[in-house]
Protein backbone atom coordinates (compact mmCIF):
# COMPACT_ATOMS: atom_id res chain seq x y z
CA MET A 1 -16.42 -22.76 -9.54
CA SER A 2 -14.07 -20.63 -7.51
CA GLU A 3 -11.64 -22.55 -5.14
CA THR A 4 -12.44 -20.53 -1.89
CA ILE A 5 -9.75 -19.83 1.28
CA MET A 6 -9.96 -17.67 3.73
CA ILE A 7 -6.98 -16.13 5.37
CA ALA A 8 -6.53 -16.06 8.71
CA SER A 9 -4.23 -15.35 11.66
CA GLY A 10 -5.06 -15.56 15.42
CA LYS A 11 -3.21 -12.20 16.49
CA GLY A 12 -3.47 -8.96 14.26
CA GLY A 13 0.00 -7.64 13.06
CA VAL A 14 1.86 -10.06 11.28
CA GLY A 15 1.18 -8.84 8.16
CA LYS A 16 -1.89 -11.11 6.80
CA SER A 17 -3.93 -8.76 4.92
CA THR A 18 -0.70 -7.76 3.07
CA ALA A 19 0.41 -11.23 1.92
CA ALA A 20 -3.43 -11.38 0.92
CA ALA A 21 -3.00 -8.60 -1.26
CA PHE A 22 0.39 -9.93 -2.91
CA LEU A 23 -1.21 -13.27 -3.45
CA GLY A 24 -4.21 -11.88 -5.30
CA LYS A 25 -1.98 -9.38 -7.76
CA ALA A 26 0.32 -12.58 -8.17
CA LEU A 27 -2.57 -14.90 -9.34
CA GLY A 28 -4.33 -12.41 -11.42
CA LYS A 29 -0.93 -11.93 -13.19
CA LYS A 30 -0.91 -15.71 -13.83
CA ASN A 31 -4.57 -14.79 -15.62
CA LYS A 32 -6.62 -15.93 -12.87
CA ARG A 33 -9.63 -14.09 -12.05
CA VAL A 34 -9.41 -13.27 -8.18
CA LEU A 35 -11.94 -11.56 -5.48
CA LEU A 36 -10.35 -10.60 -2.26
CA ILE A 37 -13.21 -10.38 -0.02
CA ASP A 38 -11.96 -7.78 2.76
CA GLY A 39 -13.49 -9.67 5.76
CA ASP A 40 -12.34 -7.34 8.67
CA THR A 41 -15.54 -5.10 9.98
CA GLY A 42 -14.31 -1.77 10.96
CA LEU A 43 -10.34 -1.99 10.82
CA GLY A 44 -10.45 -3.58 7.21
CA ALA A 45 -7.13 -2.48 5.38
CA LEU A 46 -7.21 -3.84 1.57
CA ASP A 47 -8.67 -0.65 0.35
CA ILE A 48 -5.75 1.51 1.63
CA ILE A 49 -3.04 -1.22 0.40
CA PHE A 50 -4.72 -0.76 -2.73
CA GLY A 51 -5.00 2.59 -2.56
CA VAL A 52 -8.62 2.91 -3.65
CA ALA A 53 -9.85 3.92 -0.41
CA ASP A 54 -11.55 6.89 -2.02
CA LYS A 55 -13.71 4.69 -4.22
CA VAL A 56 -15.26 2.69 -1.93
CA MET A 57 -19.19 2.93 -2.43
CA ASN A 58 -20.45 -0.14 -1.27
CA THR A 59 -19.47 -3.25 0.77
CA TRP A 60 -20.31 -6.92 1.35
CA LEU A 61 -22.73 -5.50 3.96
CA ASP A 62 -24.51 -3.83 1.57
CA ILE A 63 -24.94 -7.14 -0.37
CA GLU A 64 -26.00 -8.91 2.64
CA LEU A 65 -28.62 -6.17 2.93
CA SER A 66 -29.40 -6.29 -0.39
CA ASN A 67 -28.68 -2.61 -0.92
CA CYS A 68 -27.08 -3.75 -4.16
CA SER A 69 -25.94 -6.29 -6.19
CA PRO A 70 -22.53 -7.86 -5.77
CA GLU A 71 -20.92 -6.14 -9.21
CA GLN A 72 -22.07 -2.65 -7.60
CA ALA A 73 -19.65 -3.15 -5.06
CA PHE A 74 -16.50 -4.62 -6.26
CA ILE A 75 -13.87 -2.48 -6.94
CA ARG A 76 -11.30 -3.67 -9.94
CA ILE A 77 -7.88 -3.27 -9.02
CA SER A 78 -6.43 -4.83 -12.19
CA GLU A 79 -7.93 -6.33 -15.19
CA LYS A 80 -8.17 -9.87 -13.31
CA LEU A 81 -8.15 -8.97 -9.54
CA PHE A 82 -11.35 -7.26 -7.74
CA LEU A 83 -11.92 -6.12 -4.16
CA LEU A 84 -14.97 -6.32 -2.02
CA PRO A 85 -14.11 -3.92 0.82
CA SER A 86 -15.36 -4.25 4.50
CA PRO A 87 -18.17 -2.09 6.33
CA LYS A 88 -16.74 1.06 8.08
CA PHE A 89 -19.57 1.08 10.42
CA PHE A 90 -21.02 -1.95 11.57
CA PRO A 91 -24.33 -2.91 13.69
CA GLU A 92 -23.84 -2.90 17.58
CA ASN A 93 -25.19 -6.34 17.85
CA PRO A 94 -22.59 -8.07 14.86
CA GLU A 95 -23.91 -11.30 16.29
CA ASN A 96 -27.36 -10.62 14.39
CA VAL A 97 -25.42 -10.55 11.41
CA ASP A 98 -26.35 -14.41 9.19
CA GLU A 99 -23.38 -16.21 9.78
CA ASN A 100 -23.70 -17.29 6.28
CA VAL A 101 -22.85 -13.75 5.43
CA PHE A 102 -19.76 -15.15 3.45
CA ASN A 103 -21.15 -17.89 1.98
CA ASN A 104 -24.08 -16.21 0.77
CA ILE A 105 -22.14 -14.07 -1.22
CA ILE A 106 -19.83 -16.12 -2.92
CA ARG A 107 -22.49 -18.49 -3.93
CA GLN A 108 -23.56 -15.34 -5.92
CA CYS A 109 -20.30 -14.82 -7.67
CA LYS A 110 -18.24 -18.29 -7.11
CA ASN A 111 -18.64 -18.89 -11.29
CA ASN A 112 -16.92 -15.79 -12.00
CA PHE A 113 -13.45 -16.23 -10.03
CA ASP A 114 -10.59 -19.06 -10.23
CA TYR A 115 -10.12 -17.75 -6.58
CA ILE A 116 -12.46 -16.09 -4.10
CA PHE A 117 -10.16 -14.94 -0.96
CA VAL A 118 -11.84 -13.94 2.55
CA ASP A 119 -9.37 -12.03 4.67
CA ALA A 120 -10.47 -12.81 7.83
CA SER A 121 -10.55 -10.60 11.01
CA ALA A 122 -7.34 -11.39 12.95
CA GLY A 123 -8.66 -13.50 16.25
CA ILE A 124 -11.24 -16.15 16.70
CA GLU A 125 -14.51 -14.65 17.02
CA SER A 126 -17.22 -14.39 15.18
CA ASN A 127 -15.60 -12.78 11.97
CA LEU A 128 -13.59 -16.05 11.90
CA LYS A 129 -16.81 -18.08 11.75
CA TRP A 130 -17.95 -16.43 9.14
CA ALA A 131 -15.18 -16.88 7.19
CA VAL A 132 -15.21 -20.40 7.37
CA LYS A 133 -18.58 -20.75 6.96
CA GLY A 134 -17.87 -19.60 3.44
CA CYS A 135 -14.45 -21.13 2.36
CA GLU A 136 -13.45 -24.76 1.82
CA LYS A 137 -9.79 -24.32 2.89
CA GLY A 138 -7.65 -21.94 4.79
CA ILE A 139 -4.28 -20.09 4.71
CA PHE A 140 -3.00 -19.36 8.51
CA VAL A 141 -0.57 -16.74 8.80
CA ALA A 142 2.00 -16.50 11.44
CA THR A 143 5.65 -14.79 11.97
CA ALA A 144 7.90 -16.75 13.53
CA ASP A 145 7.78 -15.72 17.28
CA GLU A 146 6.23 -17.69 20.04
CA ILE A 147 2.66 -15.11 20.51
CA SER A 148 2.58 -15.44 16.65
CA VAL A 149 2.48 -18.95 16.25
CA ARG A 150 0.18 -19.58 19.59
CA GLY A 151 -2.44 -17.36 17.76
CA ALA A 152 -2.34 -19.34 14.79
CA ALA A 153 -2.53 -22.48 16.23
CA ALA A 154 -5.47 -21.22 17.83
CA ALA A 155 -6.94 -20.10 15.31
CA GLY A 156 -6.75 -23.66 13.49
CA ASP A 157 -8.07 -25.00 16.42
CA LYS A 158 -10.93 -22.63 16.51
CA ALA A 159 -11.60 -22.95 12.55
CA GLN A 160 -11.51 -26.83 13.02
CA GLU A 161 -14.24 -26.18 15.47
CA TYR A 162 -16.42 -23.86 13.14
CA GLY A 163 -15.87 -26.94 10.59
CA MET A 164 -13.06 -26.67 8.40
CA LYS A 165 -10.89 -29.90 8.00
CA ARG A 166 -7.66 -30.14 9.07
CA GLU A 167 -6.17 -31.26 5.99
CA ASN A 168 -7.34 -27.83 4.25
CA MET A 169 -5.58 -25.75 6.57
CA ARG A 170 -2.25 -24.37 5.71
CA LEU A 171 0.49 -22.74 7.29
CA LEU A 172 1.97 -19.13 5.58
CA ILE A 173 5.09 -17.62 7.59
CA ASN A 174 5.61 -14.08 6.89
CA ARG A 175 8.37 -11.66 7.47
CA PHE A 176 10.84 -14.69 7.88
CA SER A 177 14.77 -14.01 8.40
CA LYS A 178 16.78 -16.98 8.02
CA LYS A 179 19.65 -14.96 9.94
CA ALA A 180 17.71 -14.30 12.34
CA ALA A 181 16.84 -17.84 13.04
CA VAL A 182 20.13 -19.09 12.67
CA LYS A 183 21.12 -16.90 15.62
CA SER A 184 18.00 -18.29 17.36
CA ARG A 185 16.18 -14.70 17.85
CA ILE A 186 13.32 -16.18 16.50
CA LEU A 187 11.71 -19.69 15.98
CA SER A 188 13.02 -21.85 13.36
CA ILE A 189 11.08 -22.97 10.65
CA ASP A 190 10.35 -26.20 11.90
CA GLY A 191 9.48 -24.78 15.33
CA VAL A 192 6.52 -23.13 13.86
CA ILE A 193 5.40 -26.03 11.94
CA ASP A 194 5.32 -28.03 15.33
CA LYS A 195 3.85 -25.37 17.69
CA SER A 196 1.19 -24.11 15.16
CA GLY A 197 -0.10 -27.68 14.13
CA VAL A 198 -0.61 -26.98 10.71
CA MET A 199 1.15 -27.86 7.43
CA LEU A 200 3.52 -25.42 5.61
CA LEU A 201 2.38 -23.67 2.38
CA GLY A 202 5.13 -21.30 2.43
CA ILE A 203 7.59 -18.64 3.22
CA LEU A 204 7.53 -14.72 2.71
CA PRO A 205 10.96 -13.39 4.06
CA GLU A 206 11.48 -9.92 5.50
CA ASP A 207 11.35 -6.99 3.06
CA LYS A 208 11.54 -3.79 4.95
CA LYS A 209 10.23 -1.86 1.81
CA ILE A 210 6.37 -3.98 1.94
CA PRO A 211 5.21 -2.08 5.38
CA PHE A 212 5.34 1.10 3.41
CA SER A 213 4.95 0.14 0.23
CA SER A 214 0.72 1.60 0.51
CA VAL A 215 2.34 4.96 1.25
CA THR A 216 5.56 5.11 -0.91
CA ASN A 217 4.23 3.20 -3.99
CA VAL A 218 7.45 1.90 -3.90
CA PHE A 219 7.09 -2.07 -4.07
CA PRO A 220 10.10 -5.04 -4.46
CA GLY A 221 11.18 -6.06 -7.69
CA LYS A 222 9.73 -9.11 -9.67
CA LYS A 223 13.10 -10.98 -8.93
CA SER A 224 13.51 -9.66 -5.36
CA PRO A 225 13.50 -12.68 -3.00
CA PHE A 226 10.11 -11.48 -1.54
CA MET A 227 8.42 -11.30 -5.01
CA LYS A 228 9.90 -14.98 -5.80
CA ALA A 229 8.66 -16.37 -2.69
CA VAL A 230 5.05 -15.02 -3.79
CA SER A 231 5.27 -16.68 -6.67
CA ARG A 232 6.26 -19.65 -5.31
CA VAL A 233 3.35 -19.61 -2.76
CA CYS A 234 0.94 -18.92 -5.89
CA GLY A 235 2.17 -22.30 -7.67
CA ARG A 236 1.75 -24.28 -4.41
CA ILE A 237 -1.97 -22.97 -3.76
CA GLU A 238 -2.55 -23.69 -7.50
CA GLY A 239 -1.37 -27.43 -6.63
CA GLU A 240 2.06 -26.95 -8.36
CA ASN A 241 4.82 -29.02 -6.77
CA VAL A 242 7.11 -25.76 -5.97
CA PRO A 243 10.24 -26.41 -3.72
CA LEU A 244 10.64 -23.96 -1.03
CA LYS A 245 13.67 -22.84 -1.78
CA LEU A 246 15.10 -21.71 1.66
CA ASN A 247 18.59 -20.94 -0.32
CA GLU A 248 16.70 -17.85 -1.44
CA LEU A 249 15.73 -16.45 1.69
CA LYS A 250 17.59 -13.84 3.46
């Protein structure tokens, strides 16, 4: 049975979906079958990040409405990685959608994957609740600035209100610059942890190639600080005792 993990943030623009994509890729390369569900209705980005926007025929909403089976909506990204896209157009009254929508879909396919990630939309509205209903664990993505961390803290509190256990929540610090932290331009790692109220999963360093990778198709090498950090985070997701190796961060 799958391990079900929500990836969330209280604020947009922190690189949540990009982080989800790289984690999915890395776990797939470790021979794990991974399903990424794009839970961001109307603003889903994973199909663009993976360069498969032209292949989207069905979405998770089509599954929920019984218009297709899960297999008919999956897009194969690699041998082990699959994407379930989000709908670009949504009912005017999303509150009419069953709050167990992702749980219903996950229940149909959880025996076929090692990991199922739901990339929730940023914020603390209904989409976060739907993601919580479908997932046992949560990864909250934040950059090391006050606004982003406040958003992650609010998302964590809301997820707990919706039923997720606090001990199943972890923090992923994205786009971290050690030099900027030393110069006090951003929060320190300890500062982000303290203000978010969520235990640390890992840290992904800033890499200027990442924001443009879906356009340029230029990605950091596997020996780059970013990719090494992604590998460490995946190890920790799998329960391994992997050190953070802060000395390898820029």
